[in-house]
Amino acid sequence: MIEDEEHATGPIDLETLSVEDLRQRIETLKAEIRACESELEKKASHLSSANSLFGGID
């Protein structure tokens, strides 16, 4: 399980955020998603390379 200090206190009450805060949060989350997708692509590439080299399963 992934533990994140920001979310350790529970979910954020979105109703308390202003429109601008919500927009900023969306942009922050989109950036985090892009970073995760990039890391996932790198790991998948490394796994594929290792499987090719060592005869594993893709």
Protein backbone atom coordinates (compact mmCIF):
# COMPACT_ATOMS: atom_id res chain seq x y z
CA MET A 1 0.00 0.00 0.00
CA ILE A 2 1.23 3.47 -0.85
CA GLU A 3 1.37 5.88 2.04
CA ASP A 4 1.32 9.59 1.30
CA GLU A 5 1.77 12.14 4.06
CA GLU A 6 -0.60 14.55 2.30
CA HIS A 7 -3.39 11.99 2.41
CA ALA A 8 -2.51 10.48 5.79
CA THR A 9 -5.12 12.63 7.54
CA GLY A 10 -7.89 11.40 5.25
CA PRO A 11 -9.62 12.76 2.19
CA ILE A 12 -9.79 16.49 1.57
CA ASP A 13 -13.22 18.07 1.96
CA LEU A 14 -13.56 19.54 -1.53
CA GLU A 15 -16.56 21.63 -0.51
CA THR A 16 -14.29 23.82 1.60
CA LEU A 17 -12.02 24.70 -1.34
CA SER A 18 -12.50 27.79 -3.49
CA VAL A 19 -12.88 27.58 -7.26
CA GLU A 20 -9.24 28.64 -7.69
CA ASP A 21 -8.07 26.11 -5.10
CA LEU A 22 -9.98 23.37 -6.93
CA ARG A 23 -8.41 24.40 -10.26
CA GLN A 24 -4.95 24.36 -8.69
CA ARG A 25 -5.60 20.96 -7.11
CA ILE A 26 -6.69 19.57 -10.48
CA GLU A 27 -3.51 20.85 -12.14
CA THR A 28 -1.39 19.39 -9.33
CA LEU A 29 -3.12 16.01 -9.62
CA LYS A 30 -2.74 16.02 -13.42
CA ALA A 31 0.99 16.67 -13.01
CA GLU A 32 1.23 13.79 -10.53
CA ILE A 33 -0.63 11.52 -12.96
CA ARG A 34 1.75 12.47 -15.79
CA ALA A 35 4.72 11.71 -13.52
CA CYS A 36 3.22 8.33 -12.59
CA GLU A 37 2.53 7.49 -16.23
CA SER A 38 6.08 8.41 -17.18
CA GLU A 39 7.53 6.25 -14.43
CA LEU A 40 5.21 3.39 -15.41
CA GLU A 41 6.45 3.60 -19.01
CA LYS A 42 10.08 3.51 -17.85
CA LYS A 43 9.47 0.52 -15.60
CA ALA A 44 7.56 -1.32 -18.32
CA SER A 45 10.44 -0.68 -20.72
CA HIS A 46 12.99 -1.94 -18.20
CA LEU A 47 10.88 -5.01 -17.51
CA SER A 48 10.54 -5.72 -21.22
CA SER A 49 14.30 -5.39 -21.68
CA ALA A 50 15.01 -7.68 -18.75
CA ASN A 51 12.50 -10.23 -20.02
CA SER A 52 14.12 -10.15 -23.46
CA LEU A 53 17.56 -10.61 -21.96
CA PHE A 54 16.65 -13.29 -19.44
CA GLY A 55 13.76 -14.97 -21.25
CA GLY A 56 10.98 -13.80 -18.95
CA ILE A 57 7.35 -13.14 -19.78
CA ASP A 58 6.19 -9.71 -21.06
